């Protein structure tokens, strides 16, 4: 299943990376300008596609019970790396395994143990699998944060993806504000009232979990995500058509 990471999906990923436990679909929906149902559908799609692979607690084991967290930098034979990574995950005390595309130091194995002897037991099990331990480090702290480019822009922009084409043509993806001049109008009426300039074409309408083919009688609703082509480039007046307007 292929998923396009448009602005809505990026903002969902950013929000869940930032605080999956404390973030709700309505909260994301309010920030992005779509319905909570759209957000829930998008999350299910991202999960089904394997883009969001899980939600994990960030545990400080030292604070919890003065447990030792150790990172083993190890090398597995390239042809056996994937299989061994799966086996390593079954070892008691292993909490994370990362594979690297490299000939050496291609496995990073994060482990937790009650004491030094428990950590040494893990090391012996790794060695028994045929994995060479190159380095061993005691982890002091580990911090996570959301991927900033997927978050909201510092200045308000309703458009998410912007593409400049040859000949001065431009394509942009816009989210329709509730109070935008075009909200509640059909495309035919919007054009008749001069809201859509000459050379402007609405290519697609994304609403909830469906992508609609625009027609003259298609009504534009608040929260719709429109892909718009302009043959003469985008003006502030055109953006105002889709944003909370001053018209």
C-alpha atoms as a PDB file:
ATOM      1  CA  UNK A   1       0.000   0.000   0.000  1.00  0.00           C
ATOM      2  CA  UNK A   2       1.543   3.271  -1.150  1.00  0.00           C
ATOM      3  CA  UNK A   3       0.867   6.426   0.878  1.00  0.00           C
ATOM      4  CA  UNK A   4       1.682   9.960  -0.245  1.00  0.00           C
ATOM      5  CA  UNK A   5       3.140  12.042   2.558  1.00  0.00           C
ATOM      6  CA  UNK A   6       1.135  15.198   1.983  1.00  0.00           C
ATOM      7  CA  UNK A   7       0.927  18.008   4.514  1.00  0.00           C
ATOM      8  CA  UNK A   8      -1.822  16.338   6.553  1.00  0.00           C
ATOM      9  CA  UNK A   9       0.090  13.065   6.871  1.00  0.00           C
ATOM     10  CA  UNK A  10       3.289  14.912   7.776  1.00  0.00           C
ATOM     11  CA  UNK A  11       1.527  16.853  10.507  1.00  0.00           C
ATOM     12  CA  UNK A  12       0.003  13.624  11.862  1.00  0.00           C
ATOM     13  CA  UNK A  13       3.424  11.981  12.022  1.00  0.00           C
ATOM     14  CA  UNK A  14       4.943  15.066  13.657  1.00  0.00           C
ATOM     15  CA  UNK A  15       2.211  15.200  16.309  1.00  0.00           C
ATOM     16  CA  UNK A  16       2.443  11.497  17.139  1.00  0.00           C
ATOM     17  CA  UNK A  17       6.245  11.583  17.276  1.00  0.00           C
ATOM     18  CA  UNK A  18       6.047  14.566  19.592  1.00  0.00           C
ATOM     19  CA  UNK A  19       3.501  13.052  22.002  1.00  0.00           C
ATOM     20  CA  UNK A  20       1.555  10.001  20.839  1.00  0.00           C
ATOM     21  CA  UNK A  21      -0.051   9.428  24.234  1.00  0.00           C
ATOM     22  CA  UNK A  22      -1.273  12.971  24.743  1.00  0.00           C
ATOM     23  CA  UNK A  23      -2.367  13.720  21.175  1.00  0.00           C
ATOM     24  CA  UNK A  24      -5.899  13.066  19.943  1.00  0.00           C
ATOM     25  CA  UNK A  25      -7.396  13.064  16.450  1.00  0.00           C
ATOM     26  CA  UNK A  26      -9.547  16.156  17.243  1.00  0.00           C
ATOM     27  CA  UNK A  27      -6.449  18.050  18.398  1.00  0.00           C
ATOM     28  CA  UNK A  28      -4.563  17.305  15.180  1.00  0.00           C
ATOM     29  CA  UNK A  29      -7.688  18.013  13.126  1.00  0.00           C
ATOM     30  CA  UNK A  30      -8.077  21.464  14.659  1.00  0.00           C
ATOM     31  CA  UNK A  31      -4.451  22.346  13.933  1.00  0.00           C
ATOM     32  CA  UNK A  32      -4.525  21.061  10.354  1.00  0.00           C
ATOM     33  CA  UNK A  33      -8.019  22.216   9.394  1.00  0.00           C
ATOM     34  CA  UNK A  34      -9.700  18.896   8.565  1.00  0.00           C
ATOM     35  CA  UNK A  35     -12.224  16.692  10.367  1.00  0.00           C
ATOM     36  CA  UNK A  36     -11.277  14.279  13.193  1.00  0.00           C
ATOM     37  CA  UNK A  37     -12.622  11.437  11.021  1.00  0.00           C
ATOM     38  CA  UNK A  38     -10.097  12.358   8.333  1.00  0.00           C
ATOM     39  CA  UNK A  39      -7.275  12.222  10.875  1.00  0.00           C
ATOM     40  CA  UNK A  40      -8.398   8.838  12.208  1.00  0.00           C
ATOM     41  CA  UNK A  41      -8.639   7.447   8.664  1.00  0.00           C
ATOM     42  CA  UNK A  42      -5.218   8.819   7.805  1.00  0.00           C
ATOM     43  CA  UNK A  43      -3.663   7.274  10.930  1.00  0.00           C
ATOM     44  CA  UNK A  44      -5.143   3.871  10.025  1.00  0.00           C
ATOM     45  CA  UNK A  45      -3.758   4.223   6.475  1.00  0.00           C
ATOM     46  CA  UNK A  46      -0.292   5.147   7.774  1.00  0.00           C
ATOM     47  CA  UNK A  47      -0.369   2.150  10.123  1.00  0.00           C
ATOM     48  CA  UNK A  48      -1.582  -0.251   7.408  1.00  0.00           C
ATOM     49  CA  UNK A  49       1.167   0.969   5.072  1.00  0.00           C
ATOM     50  CA  UNK A  50       3.821   0.293   7.725  1.00  0.00           C
ATOM     51  CA  UNK A  51       4.867   3.956   7.913  1.00  0.00           C
ATOM     52  CA  UNK A  52       3.742   4.234  11.527  1.00  0.00           C
ATOM     53  CA  UNK A  53       5.035   0.988  12.955  1.00  0.00           C
ATOM     54  CA  UNK A  54       4.152   1.396  16.599  1.00  0.00           C
ATOM     55  CA  UNK A  55       3.952   3.618  19.668  1.00  0.00           C
ATOM     56  CA  UNK A  56       6.629   3.088  22.273  1.00  0.00           C
ATOM     57  CA  UNK A  57       7.189   4.404  25.795  1.00  0.00           C
ATOM     58  CA  UNK A  58      10.478   6.229  26.352  1.00  0.00           C
ATOM     59  CA  UNK A  59      11.586   4.618  29.614  1.00  0.00           C
ATOM     60  CA  UNK A  60      14.444   5.804  31.808  1.00  0.00           C
ATOM     61  CA  UNK A  61      15.459   2.463  33.339  1.00  0.00           C
ATOM     62  CA  UNK A  62      18.079   4.065  35.566  1.00  0.00           C
ATOM     63  CA  UNK A  63      15.437   6.320  37.124  1.00  0.00           C
ATOM     64  CA  UNK A  64      13.001   3.415  37.392  1.00  0.00           C
ATOM     65  CA  UNK A  65      15.212   0.952  39.252  1.00  0.00           C
ATOM     66  CA  UNK A  66      18.842   1.978  38.733  1.00  0.00           C
ATOM     67  CA  UNK A  67      19.110  -0.526  35.902  1.00  0.00           C
ATOM     68  CA  UNK A  68      21.993  -0.442  33.430  1.00  0.00           C
ATOM     69  CA  UNK A  69      21.334   0.444  29.802  1.00  0.00           C
ATOM     70  CA  UNK A  70      24.124  -0.642  27.465  1.00  0.00           C
ATOM     71  CA  UNK A  71      24.643  -0.213  23.744  1.00  0.00           C
ATOM     72  CA  UNK A  72      26.546  -2.956  21.927  1.00  0.00           C
ATOM     73  CA  UNK A  73      28.058  -2.012  18.573  1.00  0.00           C
ATOM     74  CA  UNK A  74      28.433  -5.334  16.797  1.00  0.00           C
ATOM     75  CA  UNK A  75      29.153  -6.955  13.438  1.00  0.00           C
ATOM     76  CA  UNK A  76      27.157  -9.741  11.814  1.00  0.00           C
ATOM     77  CA  UNK A  77      27.922 -11.408   8.465  1.00  0.00           C
ATOM     78  CA  UNK A  78      26.068  -9.412   5.802  1.00  0.00           C
ATOM     79  CA  UNK A  79      24.165 -12.425   4.482  1.00  0.00           C
ATOM     80  CA  UNK A  80      23.069 -13.324   8.028  1.00  0.00           C
ATOM     81  CA  UNK A  81      22.428  -9.818   9.353  1.00  0.00           C
ATOM     82  CA  UNK A  82      18.624  -9.741   9.000  1.00  0.00           C
ATOM     83  CA  UNK A  83      18.154 -13.220  10.451  1.00  0.00           C
ATOM     84  CA  UNK A  84      20.489 -12.547  13.364  1.00  0.00           C
ATOM     85  CA  UNK A  85      18.784  -9.224  14.100  1.00  0.00           C
ATOM     86  CA  UNK A  86      15.512 -11.103  14.538  1.00  0.00           C
ATOM     87  CA  UNK A  87      17.167 -13.661  16.823  1.00  0.00           C
ATOM     88  CA  UNK A  88      18.782 -10.936  18.915  1.00  0.00           C
ATOM     89  CA  UNK A  89      15.360  -9.457  19.658  1.00  0.00           C
ATOM     90  CA  UNK A  90      14.395 -12.682  21.483  1.00  0.00           C
ATOM     91  CA  UNK A  91      17.227 -12.338  24.004  1.00  0.00           C
ATOM     92  CA  UNK A  92      15.992 -11.258  27.441  1.00  0.00           C
ATOM     93  CA  UNK A  93      17.150  -7.709  28.119  1.00  0.00           C
ATOM     94  CA  UNK A  94      17.376  -6.579  24.483  1.00  0.00           C
ATOM     95  CA  UNK A  95      15.029  -3.625  23.909  1.00  0.00           C
ATOM     96  CA  UNK A  96      16.128  -2.284  20.510  1.00  0.00           C
ATOM     97  CA  UNK A  97      18.041  -3.571  17.475  1.00  0.00           C
ATOM     98  CA  UNK A  98      19.154  -1.413  14.555  1.00  0.00           C
ATOM     99  CA  UNK A  99      20.521  -2.798  11.299  1.00  0.00           C
ATOM    100  CA  UNK A 100      22.978  -0.788   9.225  1.00  0.00           C
ATOM    101  CA  UNK A 101      23.940  -1.171   5.587  1.00  0.00           C
ATOM    102  CA  UNK A 102      27.610  -1.767   6.279  1.00  0.00           C
ATOM    103  CA  UNK A 103      30.133  -4.568   6.328  1.00  0.00           C
ATOM    104  CA  UNK A 104      31.213  -3.920   9.905  1.00  0.00           C
ATOM    105  CA  UNK A 105      29.466  -2.502  12.989  1.00  0.00           C
ATOM    106  CA  UNK A 106      26.185  -3.186  11.213  1.00  0.00           C
ATOM    107  CA  UNK A 107      24.137  -3.987  14.337  1.00  0.00           C
ATOM    108  CA  UNK A 108      23.466  -1.624  17.235  1.00  0.00           C
ATOM    109  CA  UNK A 109      21.870  -3.503  20.123  1.00  0.00           C
ATOM    110  CA  UNK A 110      20.386  -1.660  23.091  1.00  0.00           C
ATOM    111  CA  UNK A 111      20.131  -3.742  26.248  1.00  0.00           C
ATOM    112  CA  UNK A 112      18.898  -3.341  29.816  1.00  0.00           C
ATOM    113  CA  UNK A 113      19.990  -5.334  32.869  1.00  0.00           C
ATOM    114  CA  UNK A 114      19.720  -5.246  36.640  1.00  0.00           C
ATOM    115  CA  UNK A 115      23.491  -5.362  37.072  1.00  0.00           C
ATOM    116  CA  UNK A 116      26.792  -5.906  35.287  1.00  0.00           C
ATOM    117  CA  UNK A 117      26.384  -9.697  35.368  1.00  0.00           C
ATOM    118  CA  UNK A 118      23.038  -9.454  33.554  1.00  0.00           C
ATOM    119  CA  UNK A 119      24.617  -7.291  30.855  1.00  0.00           C
ATOM    120  CA  UNK A 120      27.505  -9.740  30.526  1.00  0.00           C
ATOM    121  CA  UNK A 121      25.028 -12.591  30.071  1.00  0.00           C
ATOM    122  CA  UNK A 122      23.529 -10.737  27.118  1.00  0.00           C
ATOM    123  CA  UNK A 123      26.990 -10.243  25.631  1.00  0.00           C
ATOM    124  CA  UNK A 124      27.697 -13.969  25.921  1.00  0.00           C
ATOM    125  CA  UNK A 125      24.422 -14.799  24.141  1.00  0.00           C
ATOM    126  CA  UNK A 126      25.273 -12.387  21.328  1.00  0.00           C
ATOM    127  CA  UNK A 127      28.664 -13.993  20.893  1.00  0.00           C
ATOM    128  CA  UNK A 128      27.137 -17.485  20.866  1.00  0.00           C
ATOM    129  CA  UNK A 129      25.020 -16.427  17.862  1.00  0.00           C
ATOM    130  CA  UNK A 130      28.165 -15.654  15.888  1.00  0.00           C
ATOM    131  CA  UNK A 131      27.989 -11.881  16.356  1.00  0.00           C
ATOM    132  CA  UNK A 132      31.241 -10.006  16.967  1.00  0.00           C
ATOM    133  CA  UNK A 133      31.001  -7.238  19.590  1.00  0.00           C
ATOM    134  CA  UNK A 134      33.136  -4.288  18.464  1.00  0.00           C
ATOM    135  CA  UNK A 135      32.296  -1.815  21.210  1.00  0.00           C
ATOM    136  CA  UNK A 136      30.227  -1.496  24.368  1.00  0.00           C
ATOM    137  CA  UNK A 137      28.909   1.753  25.839  1.00  0.00           C
ATOM    138  CA  UNK A 138      26.840   2.494  28.935  1.00  0.00           C
ATOM    139  CA  UNK A 139      23.980   4.782  27.904  1.00  0.00           C
ATOM    140  CA  UNK A 140      23.504   7.793  30.169  1.00  0.00           C
ATOM    141  CA  UNK A 141      20.452   9.388  28.551  1.00  0.00           C
ATOM    142  CA  UNK A 142      18.418   8.982  25.386  1.00  0.00           C
ATOM    143  CA  UNK A 143      16.170  11.718  24.016  1.00  0.00           C
ATOM    144  CA  UNK A 144      13.652  11.726  21.181  1.00  0.00           C
ATOM    145  CA  UNK A 145      11.923  14.502  19.312  1.00  0.00           C
ATOM    146  CA  UNK A 146       9.597  14.915  16.367  1.00  0.00           C
ATOM    147  CA  UNK A 147      10.939  15.459  12.843  1.00  0.00           C
ATOM    148  CA  UNK A 148      10.757  19.251  12.542  1.00  0.00           C
ATOM    149  CA  UNK A 149      10.197  19.508   8.745  1.00  0.00           C
ATOM    150  CA  UNK A 150       6.893  17.637   9.207  1.00  0.00           C
ATOM    151  CA  UNK A 151       5.666  20.173  11.767  1.00  0.00           C
ATOM    152  CA  UNK A 152       3.807  23.464  11.331  1.00  0.00           C
ATOM    153  CA  UNK A 153       5.609  26.322   9.614  1.00  0.00           C
ATOM    154  CA  UNK A 154       6.685  29.209  11.829  1.00  0.00           C
ATOM    155  CA  UNK A 155       4.520  31.505   9.718  1.00  0.00           C
ATOM    156  CA  UNK A 156       0.960  30.544   8.739  1.00  0.00           C
ATOM    157  CA  UNK A 157       0.652  28.972   5.307  1.00  0.00           C
ATOM    158  CA  UNK A 158      -2.429  27.188   4.044  1.00  0.00           C
ATOM    159  CA  UNK A 159      -0.595  25.554   1.163  1.00  0.00           C
ATOM    160  CA  UNK A 160       1.474  22.458   1.781  1.00  0.00           C
ATOM    161  CA  UNK A 161       3.081  21.196  -1.425  1.00  0.00           C
ATOM    162  CA  UNK A 162       4.235  23.786  -3.929  1.00  0.00           C
ATOM    163  CA  UNK A 163       5.610  22.843  -7.339  1.00  0.00           C
ATOM    164  CA  UNK A 164       6.888  25.224  -9.975  1.00  0.00           C
ATOM    165  CA  UNK A 165       6.544  23.921 -13.530  1.00  0.00           C
ATOM    166  CA  UNK A 166       7.967  25.011 -16.843  1.00  0.00           C
ATOM    167  CA  UNK A 167       6.361  27.992 -18.558  1.00  0.00           C
ATOM    168  CA  UNK A 168       5.428  29.738 -15.321  1.00  0.00           C
ATOM    169  CA  UNK A 169       2.843  27.136 -14.341  1.00  0.00           C
ATOM    170  CA  UNK A 170       2.531  26.317 -10.663  1.00  0.00           C
ATOM    171  CA  UNK A 171       0.789  23.592  -8.671  1.00  0.00           C
ATOM    172  CA  UNK A 172      -0.084  24.017  -5.017  1.00  0.00           C
ATOM    173  CA  UNK A 173      -2.045  22.051  -2.418  1.00  0.00           C
ATOM    174  CA  UNK A 174      -4.387  24.209  -0.329  1.00  0.00           C
ATOM    175  CA  UNK A 175      -6.647  23.547   2.645  1.00  0.00           C
ATOM    176  CA  UNK A 176      -9.937  25.473   2.543  1.00  0.00           C
ATOM    177  CA  UNK A 177     -10.631  27.597   5.635  1.00  0.00           C
ATOM    178  CA  UNK A 178     -14.115  27.596   7.137  1.00  0.00           C
ATOM    179  CA  UNK A 179     -14.550  31.308   6.359  1.00  0.00           C
ATOM    180  CA  UNK A 180     -12.840  31.251   2.975  1.00  0.00           C
ATOM    181  CA  UNK A 181     -14.739  33.019   0.169  1.00  0.00           C
ATOM    182  CA  UNK A 182     -14.898  29.811  -1.867  1.00  0.00           C
ATOM    183  CA  UNK A 183     -16.257  27.637   0.968  1.00  0.00           C
ATOM    184  CA  UNK A 184     -19.833  26.539   0.203  1.00  0.00           C
ATOM    185  CA  UNK A 185     -19.650  27.507  -3.469  1.00  0.00           C
ATOM    186  CA  UNK A 186     -19.577  25.266  -6.515  1.00  0.00           C
ATOM    187  CA  UNK A 187     -16.590  25.604  -8.813  1.00  0.00           C
ATOM    188  CA  UNK A 188     -18.882  26.968 -11.507  1.00  0.00           C
ATOM    189  CA  UNK A 189     -20.208  29.707  -9.238  1.00  0.00           C
ATOM    190  CA  UNK A 190     -16.722  30.515  -7.904  1.00  0.00           C
ATOM    191  CA  UNK A 191     -15.520  31.042 -11.465  1.00  0.00           C
ATOM    192  CA  UNK A 192     -18.613  33.116 -12.326  1.00  0.00           C
ATOM    193  CA  UNK A 193     -18.021  35.369  -9.321  1.00  0.00           C
ATOM    194  CA  UNK A 194     -14.402  35.854 -10.275  1.00  0.00           C
ATOM    195  CA  UNK A 195     -12.927  33.969  -7.323  1.00  0.00           C
ATOM    196  CA  UNK A 196     -11.055  31.618  -9.664  1.00  0.00           C
ATOM    197  CA  UNK A 197      -8.898  33.593 -12.035  1.00  0.00           C
ATOM    198  CA  UNK A 198      -8.430  32.691 -15.685  1.00  0.00           C
ATOM    199  CA  UNK A 199      -5.961  29.853 -16.067  1.00  0.00           C
ATOM    200  CA  UNK A 200      -6.707  28.402 -12.614  1.00  0.00           C
ATOM    201  CA  UNK A 201      -7.812  24.773 -12.518  1.00  0.00           C
ATOM    202  CA  UNK A 202      -8.787  22.697  -9.477  1.00  0.00           C
ATOM    203  CA  UNK A 203      -7.202  19.317 -10.262  1.00  0.00           C
ATOM    204  CA  UNK A 204      -8.480  17.276  -7.320  1.00  0.00           C
ATOM    205  CA  UNK A 205     -10.523  17.545  -4.135  1.00  0.00           C
ATOM    206  CA  UNK A 206      -9.521  15.454  -1.120  1.00  0.00           C
ATOM    207  CA  UNK A 207     -12.340  15.113   1.407  1.00  0.00           C
ATOM    208  CA  UNK A 208     -12.185  12.801   4.407  1.00  0.00           C
ATOM    209  CA  UNK A 209     -10.666   9.599   3.002  1.00  0.00           C
ATOM    210  CA  UNK A 210     -11.788  10.119  -0.609  1.00  0.00           C
ATOM    211  CA  UNK A 211     -10.280  11.921  -3.597  1.00  0.00           C
ATOM    212  CA  UNK A 212     -12.965  13.501  -5.769  1.00  0.00           C
ATOM    213  CA  UNK A 213     -12.806  14.517  -9.418  1.00  0.00           C
ATOM    214  CA  UNK A 214     -13.726  18.225  -9.673  1.00  0.00           C
ATOM    215  CA  UNK A 215     -16.656  19.222 -11.855  1.00  0.00           C
ATOM    216  CA  UNK A 216     -18.504  22.465 -12.336  1.00  0.00           C
ATOM    217  CA  UNK A 217     -21.209  21.414  -9.894  1.00  0.00           C
ATOM    218  CA  UNK A 218     -18.673  20.270  -7.260  1.00  0.00           C
ATOM    219  CA  UNK A 219     -19.195  22.188  -4.014  1.00  0.00           C
ATOM    220  CA  UNK A 220     -16.074  23.244  -2.119  1.00  0.00           C
ATOM    221  CA  UNK A 221     -16.328  22.665   1.612  1.00  0.00           C
ATOM    222  CA  UNK A 222     -14.294  23.797   4.605  1.00  0.00           C
ATOM    223  CA  UNK A 223     -11.490  21.335   5.281  1.00  0.00           C
ATOM    224  CA  UNK A 224     -11.245  20.205   1.661  1.00  0.00           C
ATOM    225  CA  UNK A 225      -7.677  19.765   0.438  1.00  0.00           C
ATOM    226  CA  UNK A 226      -7.469  21.055  -3.120  1.00  0.00           C
ATOM    227  CA  UNK A 227      -4.720  20.509  -5.651  1.00  0.00           C
ATOM    228  CA  UNK A 228      -4.755  23.638  -7.808  1.00  0.00           C
ATOM    229  CA  UNK A 229      -2.937  24.404 -11.063  1.00  0.00           C
ATOM    230  CA  UNK A 230      -2.361  28.010 -12.069  1.00  0.00           C
ATOM    231  CA  UNK A 231      -1.023  28.733 -15.532  1.00  0.00           C
ATOM    232  CA  UNK A 232       0.001  32.251 -14.571  1.00  0.00           C
ATOM    233  CA  UNK A 233       1.402  31.627 -11.103  1.00  0.00           C
ATOM    234  CA  UNK A 234      -0.260  32.229  -7.743  1.00  0.00           C
ATOM    235  CA  UNK A 235      -1.153  35.684  -6.489  1.00  0.00           C
ATOM    236  CA  UNK A 236      -2.057  36.780  -2.961  1.00  0.00           C
ATOM    237  CA  UNK A 237      -5.612  37.354  -4.199  1.00  0.00           C
ATOM    238  CA  UNK A 238      -5.834  33.740  -5.306  1.00  0.00           C
ATOM    239  CA  UNK A 239      -4.565  32.450  -1.959  1.00  0.00           C
ATOM    240  CA  UNK A 240      -7.152  34.661  -0.241  1.00  0.00           C
ATOM    241  CA  UNK A 241      -9.867  32.749  -2.107  1.00  0.00           C
ATOM    242  CA  UNK A 242      -9.065  29.616  -0.088  1.00  0.00           C
ATOM    243  CA  UNK A 243      -8.089  31.237   3.211  1.00  0.00           C
ATOM    244  CA  UNK A 244     -10.133  33.160   5.736  1.00  0.00           C
ATOM    245  CA  UNK A 245     -10.933  35.992   3.419  1.00  0.00           C
ATOM    246  CA  UNK A 246     -11.145  39.697   3.675  1.00  0.00           C
ATOM    247  CA  UNK A 247     -13.455  39.855   0.653  1.00  0.00           C
END
